């Protein structure tokens, strides 16, 4: 599998935090089985 390049150094700290929070939300949605409509 090909490694995915991180954008951490290429976006602002604020954008990075938003991306991390959005990823956490997607994980919570999937863990609770609410992802069938996403």
Foldseek 3Di string as FASTA:
>chain_A
DDDDDDCVVVDDPVVVVVVVVVVVVVVVCVVVVNPPVD
